[in-house]
PDB file of N, CA and C in Angstrom:
ATOM      1  N   MET A   1     -18.182 -55.468  28.182  1.00  0.00           N
ATOM      2  CA  MET A   1     -18.800 -56.178  29.272  1.00  0.00           C
ATOM      3  C   MET A   1     -18.257 -55.686  30.606  1.00  0.00           C
ATOM      4  N   ALA A   2     -16.982 -55.380  30.651  1.00  0.00           N
ATOM      5  CA  ALA A   2     -16.347 -55.074  31.932  1.00  0.00           C
ATOM      6  C   ALA A   2     -16.851 -53.775  32.552  1.00  0.00           C
ATOM      7  N   THR A   3     -17.118 -52.774  31.728  1.00  0.00           N
ATOM      8  CA  THR A   3     -17.463 -51.484  32.320  1.00  0.00           C
ATOM      9  C   THR A   3     -18.821 -50.932  31.929  1.00  0.00           C
ATOM     10  N   SER A   4     -19.304 -51.247  30.747  1.00  0.00           N
ATOM     11  CA  SER A   4     -20.541 -50.589  30.341  1.00  0.00           C
ATOM     12  C   SER A   4     -21.523 -51.489  29.606  1.00  0.00           C
ATOM     13  N   GLY A   5     -21.160 -52.720  29.348  1.00  0.00           N
ATOM     14  CA  GLY A   5     -22.045 -53.605  28.610  1.00  0.00           C
ATOM     15  C   GLY A   5     -23.091 -54.243  29.502  1.00  0.00           C
ATOM     16  N   CYS A   6     -23.735 -55.252  28.969  1.00  0.00           N
ATOM     17  CA  CYS A   6     -24.758 -55.953  29.746  1.00  0.00           C
ATOM     18  C   CYS A   6     -24.092 -56.870  30.772  1.00  0.00           C
ATOM     19  N   THR A   7     -24.865 -57.313  31.729  1.00  0.00           N
ATOM     20  CA  THR A   7     -24.338 -58.283  32.685  1.00  0.00           C
ATOM     21  C   THR A   7     -24.276 -59.640  32.001  1.00  0.00           C
ATOM     22  N   TRP A   8     -23.524 -60.567  32.588  1.00  0.00           N
ATOM     23  CA  TRP A   8     -23.396 -61.895  32.000  1.00  0.00           C
ATOM     24  C   TRP A   8     -24.759 -62.557  31.855  1.00  0.00           C
ATOM     25  N   ARG A   9     -25.644 -62.330  32.804  1.00  0.00           N
ATOM     26  CA  ARG A   9     -26.971 -62.952  32.767  1.00  0.00           C
ATOM     27  C   ARG A   9     -27.848 -62.389  31.649  1.00  0.00           C
ATOM     28  N   GLN A  10     -27.481 -61.270  31.074  1.00  0.00           N
ATOM     29  CA  GLN A  10     -28.276 -60.644  30.019  1.00  0.00           C
ATOM     30  C   GLN A  10     -27.764 -60.967  28.615  1.00  0.00           C
ATOM     31  N   LEU A  11     -26.806 -61.864  28.498  1.00  0.00           N
ATOM     32  CA  LEU A  11     -26.275 -62.187  27.174  1.00  0.00           C
ATOM     33  C   LEU A  11     -27.381 -62.741  26.284  1.00  0.00           C
ATOM     34  N   PRO A  12     -27.458 -62.287  25.053  1.00  0.00           N
ATOM     35  CA  PRO A  12     -28.495 -62.790  24.149  1.00  0.00           C
ATOM     36  C   PRO A  12     -28.214 -64.237  23.752  1.00  0.00           C
ATOM     37  N   PRO A  13     -29.238 -64.978  23.377  1.00  0.00           N
ATOM     38  CA  PRO A  13     -29.081 -66.387  22.993  1.00  0.00           C
ATOM     39  C   PRO A  13     -28.110 -66.614  21.842  1.00  0.00           C
ATOM     40  N   VAL A  14     -27.833 -65.594  21.039  1.00  0.00           N
ATOM     41  CA  VAL A  14     -26.915 -65.754  19.914  1.00  0.00           C
ATOM     42  C   VAL A  14     -25.520 -66.194  20.379  1.00  0.00           C
ATOM     43  N   PHE A  15     -25.188 -65.954  21.655  1.00  0.00           N
ATOM     44  CA  PHE A  15     -23.889 -66.373  22.176  1.00  0.00           C
ATOM     45  C   PHE A  15     -23.833 -67.874  22.417  1.00  0.00           C
ATOM     46  N   GLY A  16     -24.955 -68.555  22.303  1.00  0.00           N
ATOM     47  CA  GLY A  16     -24.970 -70.010  22.393  1.00  0.00           C
ATOM     48  C   GLY A  16     -25.161 -70.535  23.797  1.00  0.00           C
ATOM     49  N   PRO A  17     -24.069 -70.912  24.459  1.00  0.00           N
ATOM     50  CA  PRO A  17     -24.202 -71.553  25.768  1.00  0.00           C
ATOM     51  C   PRO A  17     -24.766 -70.619  26.835  1.00  0.00           C
ATOM     52  N   ALA A  18     -25.134 -71.212  27.946  1.00  0.00           N
ATOM     53  CA  ALA A  18     -25.653 -70.434  29.068  1.00  0.00           C
ATOM     54  C   ALA A  18     -24.584 -69.481  29.590  1.00  0.00           C
ATOM     55  N   TRP A  19     -25.028 -68.414  30.242  1.00  0.00           N
ATOM     56  CA  TRP A  19     -24.090 -67.379  30.688  1.00  0.00           C
ATOM     57  C   TRP A  19     -22.973 -67.908  31.583  1.00  0.00           C
ATOM     58  N   PRO A  20     -23.184 -68.880  32.473  1.00  0.00           N
ATOM     59  CA  PRO A  20     -22.048 -69.351  33.279  1.00  0.00           C
ATOM     60  C   PRO A  20     -20.925 -69.946  32.426  1.00  0.00           C
ATOM     61  N   THR A  21     -21.315 -70.636  31.345  1.00  0.00           N
ATOM     62  CA  THR A  21     -20.316 -71.212  30.443  1.00  0.00           C
ATOM     63  C   THR A  21     -19.556 -70.116  29.724  1.00  0.00           C
ATOM     64  N   VAL A  22     -20.274 -69.117  29.232  1.00  0.00           N
ATOM     65  CA  VAL A  22     -19.632 -67.997  28.542  1.00  0.00           C
ATOM     66  C   VAL A  22     -18.671 -67.290  29.497  1.00  0.00           C
ATOM     67  N   TYR A  23     -19.106 -67.053  30.727  1.00  0.00           N
ATOM     68  CA  TYR A  23     -18.248 -66.379  31.700  1.00  0.00           C
ATOM     69  C   TYR A  23     -17.005 -67.205  32.004  1.00  0.00           C
ATOM     70  N   ARG A  24     -17.179 -68.513  32.241  1.00  0.00           N
ATOM     71  CA  ARG A  24     -16.023 -69.372  32.554  1.00  0.00           C
ATOM     72  C   ARG A  24     -15.004 -69.355  31.422  1.00  0.00           C
ATOM     73  N   ARG A  25     -15.509 -69.441  30.193  1.00  0.00           N
ATOM     74  CA  ARG A  25     -14.588 -69.418  29.045  1.00  0.00           C
ATOM     75  C   ARG A  25     -13.882 -68.068  28.935  1.00  0.00           C
ATOM     76  N   PHE A  26     -14.633 -66.989  29.103  1.00  0.00           N
ATOM     77  CA  PHE A  26     -14.025 -65.664  29.045  1.00  0.00           C
ATOM     78  C   PHE A  26     -12.948 -65.517  30.121  1.00  0.00           C
ATOM     79  N   ALA A  27     -13.260 -65.939  31.344  1.00  0.00           N
ATOM     80  CA  ALA A  27     -12.300 -65.829  32.449  1.00  0.00           C
ATOM     81  C   ALA A  27     -11.062 -66.682  32.182  1.00  0.00           C
ATOM     82  N   GLN A  28     -11.263 -67.909  31.712  1.00  0.00           N
ATOM     83  CA  GLN A  28     -10.129 -68.791  31.423  1.00  0.00           C
ATOM     84  C   GLN A  28      -9.279 -68.228  30.300  1.00  0.00           C
ATOM     85  N   TRP A  29      -9.912 -67.767  29.236  1.00  0.00           N
ATOM     86  CA  TRP A  29      -9.161 -67.207  28.113  1.00  0.00           C
ATOM     87  C   TRP A  29      -8.422 -65.941  28.537  1.00  0.00           C
ATOM     88  N   SER A  30      -9.000 -65.169  29.446  1.00  0.00           N
ATOM     89  CA  SER A  30      -8.310 -63.977  29.951  1.00  0.00           C
ATOM     90  C   SER A  30      -7.081 -64.387  30.749  1.00  0.00           C
ATOM     91  N   ARG A  31      -7.234 -65.383  31.629  1.00  0.00           N
ATOM     92  CA  ARG A  31      -6.082 -65.874  32.410  1.00  0.00           C
ATOM     93  C   ARG A  31      -4.988 -66.421  31.503  1.00  0.00           C
ATOM     94  N   ASP A  32      -5.395 -67.104  30.440  1.00  0.00           N
ATOM     95  CA  ASP A  32      -4.436 -67.702  29.503  1.00  0.00           C
ATOM     96  C   ASP A  32      -3.887 -66.711  28.485  1.00  0.00           C
ATOM     97  N   ARG A  33      -4.303 -65.458  28.586  1.00  0.00           N
ATOM     98  CA  ARG A  33      -3.859 -64.376  27.706  1.00  0.00           C
ATOM     99  C   ARG A  33      -4.203 -64.624  26.232  1.00  0.00           C
ATOM    100  N   VAL A  34      -5.307 -65.339  25.999  1.00  0.00           N
ATOM    101  CA  VAL A  34      -5.760 -65.611  24.631  1.00  0.00           C
ATOM    102  C   VAL A  34      -6.037 -64.313  23.894  1.00  0.00           C
ATOM    103  N   TRP A  35      -6.702 -63.365  24.563  1.00  0.00           N
ATOM    104  CA  TRP A  35      -7.059 -62.102  23.909  1.00  0.00           C
ATOM    105  C   TRP A  35      -5.810 -61.333  23.490  1.00  0.00           C
ATOM    106  N   ALA A  36      -4.783 -61.294  24.335  1.00  0.00           N
ATOM    107  CA  ALA A  36      -3.542 -60.582  23.995  1.00  0.00           C
ATOM    108  C   ALA A  36      -2.846 -61.243  22.805  1.00  0.00           C
ATOM    109  N   ARG A  37      -2.819 -62.580  22.803  1.00  0.00           N
ATOM    110  CA  ARG A  37      -2.183 -63.291  21.692  1.00  0.00           C
ATOM    111  C   ARG A  37      -2.956 -63.091  20.393  1.00  0.00           C
ATOM    112  N   LEU A  38      -4.283 -63.149  20.483  1.00  0.00           N
ATOM    113  CA  LEU A  38      -5.113 -62.945  19.305  1.00  0.00           C
ATOM    114  C   LEU A  38      -4.922 -61.540  18.741  1.00  0.00           C
ATOM    115  N   TYR A  39      -4.886 -60.562  19.615  1.00  0.00           N
ATOM    116  CA  TYR A  39      -4.665 -59.177  19.195  1.00  0.00           C
ATOM    117  C   TYR A  39      -3.323 -59.056  18.478  1.00  0.00           C
ATOM    118  N   ARG A  40      -2.299 -59.698  19.025  1.00  0.00           N
ATOM    119  CA  ARG A  40      -0.972 -59.639  18.424  1.00  0.00           C
ATOM    120  C   ARG A  40      -0.961 -60.296  17.041  1.00  0.00           C
ATOM    121  N   VAL A  41      -1.629 -61.435  16.922  1.00  0.00           N
ATOM    122  CA  VAL A  41      -1.700 -62.130  15.628  1.00  0.00           C
ATOM    123  C   VAL A  41      -2.373 -61.241  14.589  1.00  0.00           C
ATOM    124  N   ILE A  42      -3.461 -60.595  14.981  1.00  0.00           N
ATOM    125  CA  ILE A  42      -4.183 -59.711  14.053  1.00  0.00           C
ATOM    126  C   ILE A  42      -3.296 -58.543  13.629  1.00  0.00           C
ATOM    127  N   LEU A  43      -2.612 -57.915  14.601  1.00  0.00           N
ATOM    128  CA  LEU A  43      -1.727 -56.801  14.252  1.00  0.00           C
ATOM    129  C   LEU A  43      -0.590 -57.256  13.349  1.00  0.00           C
ATOM    130  N   ASP A  44      -0.001 -58.421  13.633  1.00  0.00           N
ATOM    131  CA  ASP A  44       1.085 -58.936  12.793  1.00  0.00           C
ATOM    132  C   ASP A  44       0.594 -59.203  11.372  1.00  0.00           C
ATOM    133  N   GLU A  45      -0.598 -59.777  11.244  1.00  0.00           N
ATOM    134  CA  GLU A  45      -1.144 -60.070   9.921  1.00  0.00           C
ATOM    135  C   GLU A  45      -1.422 -58.784   9.142  1.00  0.00           C
ATOM    136  N   LEU A  46      -2.036 -57.825   9.796  1.00  0.00           N
ATOM    137  CA  LEU A  46      -2.306 -56.551   9.122  1.00  0.00           C
ATOM    138  C   LEU A  46      -1.008 -55.839   8.761  1.00  0.00           C
ATOM    139  N   GLY A  47      -0.029 -55.905   9.651  1.00  0.00           N
ATOM    140  CA  GLY A  47       1.265 -55.288   9.367  1.00  0.00           C
ATOM    141  C   GLY A  47       1.955 -55.935   8.177  1.00  0.00           C
ATOM    142  N   ALA A  48       1.890 -57.262   8.095  1.00  0.00           N
ATOM    143  CA  ALA A  48       2.510 -57.979   6.975  1.00  0.00           C
ATOM    144  C   ALA A  48       1.859 -57.603   5.644  1.00  0.00           C
ATOM    145  N   ARG A  49       0.574 -57.289   5.687  1.00  0.00           N
ATOM    146  CA  ARG A  49      -0.137 -56.881   4.467  1.00  0.00           C
ATOM    147  C   ARG A  49       0.049 -55.400   4.162  1.00  0.00           C
ATOM    148  N   GLY A  50       0.685 -54.670   5.069  1.00  0.00           N
ATOM    149  CA  GLY A  50       0.845 -53.232   4.884  1.00  0.00           C
ATOM    150  C   GLY A  50      -0.441 -52.464   5.114  1.00  0.00           C
ATOM    151  N   GLU A  51      -1.336 -53.040   5.926  1.00  0.00           N
ATOM    152  CA  GLU A  51      -2.641 -52.421   6.144  1.00  0.00           C
ATOM    153  C   GLU A  51      -2.746 -51.682   7.484  1.00  0.00           C
ATOM    154  N   LEU A  52      -1.628 -51.415   8.126  1.00  0.00           N
ATOM    155  CA  LEU A  52      -1.644 -50.622   9.361  1.00  0.00           C
ATOM    156  C   LEU A  52      -1.106 -49.231   9.072  1.00  0.00           C
ATOM    157  N   ASP A  53      -1.780 -48.252   9.561  1.00  0.00           N
ATOM    158  CA  ASP A  53      -1.336 -46.868   9.423  1.00  0.00           C
ATOM    159  C   ASP A  53      -1.079 -46.322  10.821  1.00  0.00           C
ATOM    160  N   TRP A  54       0.170 -46.452  11.277  1.00  0.00           N
ATOM    161  CA  TRP A  54       0.508 -46.025  12.640  1.00  0.00           C
ATOM    162  C   TRP A  54       0.548 -44.514  12.787  1.00  0.00           C
ATOM    163  N   SER A  55       0.389 -43.760  11.684  1.00  0.00           N
ATOM    164  CA  SER A  55       0.334 -42.304  11.805  1.00  0.00           C
ATOM    165  C   SER A  55      -0.991 -41.877  12.429  1.00  0.00           C
ATOM    166  N   ARG A  56      -1.952 -42.779  12.466  1.00  0.00           N
ATOM    167  CA  ARG A  56      -3.256 -42.516  13.084  1.00  0.00           C
ATOM    168  C   ARG A  56      -3.437 -43.478  14.250  1.00  0.00           C
ATOM    169  N   CYS A  57      -2.686 -43.223  15.280  1.00  0.00           N
ATOM    170  CA  CYS A  57      -2.693 -44.093  16.444  1.00  0.00           C
ATOM    171  C   CYS A  57      -3.161 -43.309  17.661  1.00  0.00           C
ATOM    172  N   ALA A  58      -3.974 -43.922  18.489  1.00  0.00           N
ATOM    173  CA  ALA A  58      -4.443 -43.285  19.724  1.00  0.00           C
ATOM    174  C   ALA A  58      -4.231 -44.238  20.890  1.00  0.00           C
ATOM    175  N   ILE A  59      -3.787 -43.696  21.978  1.00  0.00           N
ATOM    176  CA  ILE A  59      -3.634 -44.474  23.204  1.00  0.00           C
ATOM    177  C   ILE A  59      -4.689 -43.982  24.163  1.00  0.00           C
ATOM    178  N   ASP A  60      -5.449 -44.904  24.697  1.00  0.00           N
ATOM    179  CA  ASP A  60      -6.550 -44.562  25.577  1.00  0.00           C
ATOM    180  C   ASP A  60      -6.283 -45.149  26.960  1.00  0.00           C
ATOM    181  N   SER A  61      -6.738 -44.453  27.961  1.00  0.00           N
ATOM    182  CA  SER A  61      -6.610 -44.984  29.321  1.00  0.00           C
ATOM    183  C   SER A  61      -7.790 -44.486  30.141  1.00  0.00           C
ATOM    184  N   VAL A  62      -7.995 -45.139  31.244  1.00  0.00           N
ATOM    185  CA  VAL A  62      -9.060 -44.754  32.148  1.00  0.00           C
ATOM    186  C   VAL A  62      -8.430 -44.466  33.502  1.00  0.00           C
ATOM    187  N   SER A  63      -8.826 -43.369  34.099  1.00  0.00           N
ATOM    188  CA  SER A  63      -8.326 -43.030  35.418  1.00  0.00           C
ATOM    189  C   SER A  63      -9.482 -43.090  36.407  1.00  0.00           C
ATOM    190  N   LEU A  64      -9.236 -43.704  37.519  1.00  0.00           N
ATOM    191  CA  LEU A  64     -10.256 -43.803  38.563  1.00  0.00           C
ATOM    192  C   LEU A  64      -9.698 -43.244  39.859  1.00  0.00           C
ATOM    193  N   ARG A  65     -10.549 -42.579  40.615  1.00  0.00           N
ATOM    194  CA  ARG A  65     -10.147 -42.050  41.907  1.00  0.00           C
ATOM    195  C   ARG A  65      -9.936 -43.217  42.860  1.00  0.00           C
ATOM    196  N   ALA A  66      -8.863 -43.157  43.617  1.00  0.00           N
ATOM    197  CA  ALA A  66      -8.584 -44.214  44.596  1.00  0.00           C
ATOM    198  C   ALA A  66      -9.527 -44.034  45.784  1.00  0.00           C
ATOM    199  N   ALA A  67     -10.274 -45.083  46.052  1.00  0.00           N
ATOM    200  CA  ALA A  67     -11.199 -45.042  47.177  1.00  0.00           C
ATOM    201  C   ALA A  67     -10.446 -45.099  48.505  1.00  0.00           C
ATOM    202  N   LYS A  68     -10.949 -44.464  49.500  1.00  0.00           N
ATOM    203  CA  LYS A  68     -10.399 -44.488  50.858  1.00  0.00           C
ATOM    204  C   LYS A  68      -8.951 -43.997  50.916  1.00  0.00           C
ATOM    205  N   GLY A  69      -8.626 -43.048  50.077  1.00  0.00           N
ATOM    206  CA  GLY A  69      -7.284 -42.441  50.131  1.00  0.00           C
ATOM    207  C   GLY A  69      -6.161 -43.307  49.612  1.00  0.00           C
ATOM    208  N   GLY A  70      -6.480 -44.341  48.855  1.00  0.00           N
ATOM    209  CA  GLY A  70      -5.436 -45.209  48.303  1.00  0.00           C
ATOM    210  C   GLY A  70      -4.604 -44.485  47.273  1.00  0.00           C
ATOM    211  N   ARG A  71      -3.516 -45.087  46.908  1.00  0.00           N
ATOM    212  CA  ARG A  71      -2.603 -44.471  45.941  1.00  0.00           C
ATOM    213  C   ARG A  71      -3.027 -44.746  44.527  1.00  0.00           C
TER     214      ARG A  71
END
């Protein structure tokens, strides 16, 4: 959603509530770090089961040019 998905107003009805509700929940959960905690729980669970293969790990990043000569 943040960089290449649909806009909030284009969310399909399968998401349930109206787009303002979905956006508010997403923003609140982001502020509360719900996504980071959920990701950690999933990794811990997979690790406990021995289902993580860290030999196949990739780190991804995005670089953007600083507008107006910023750093």
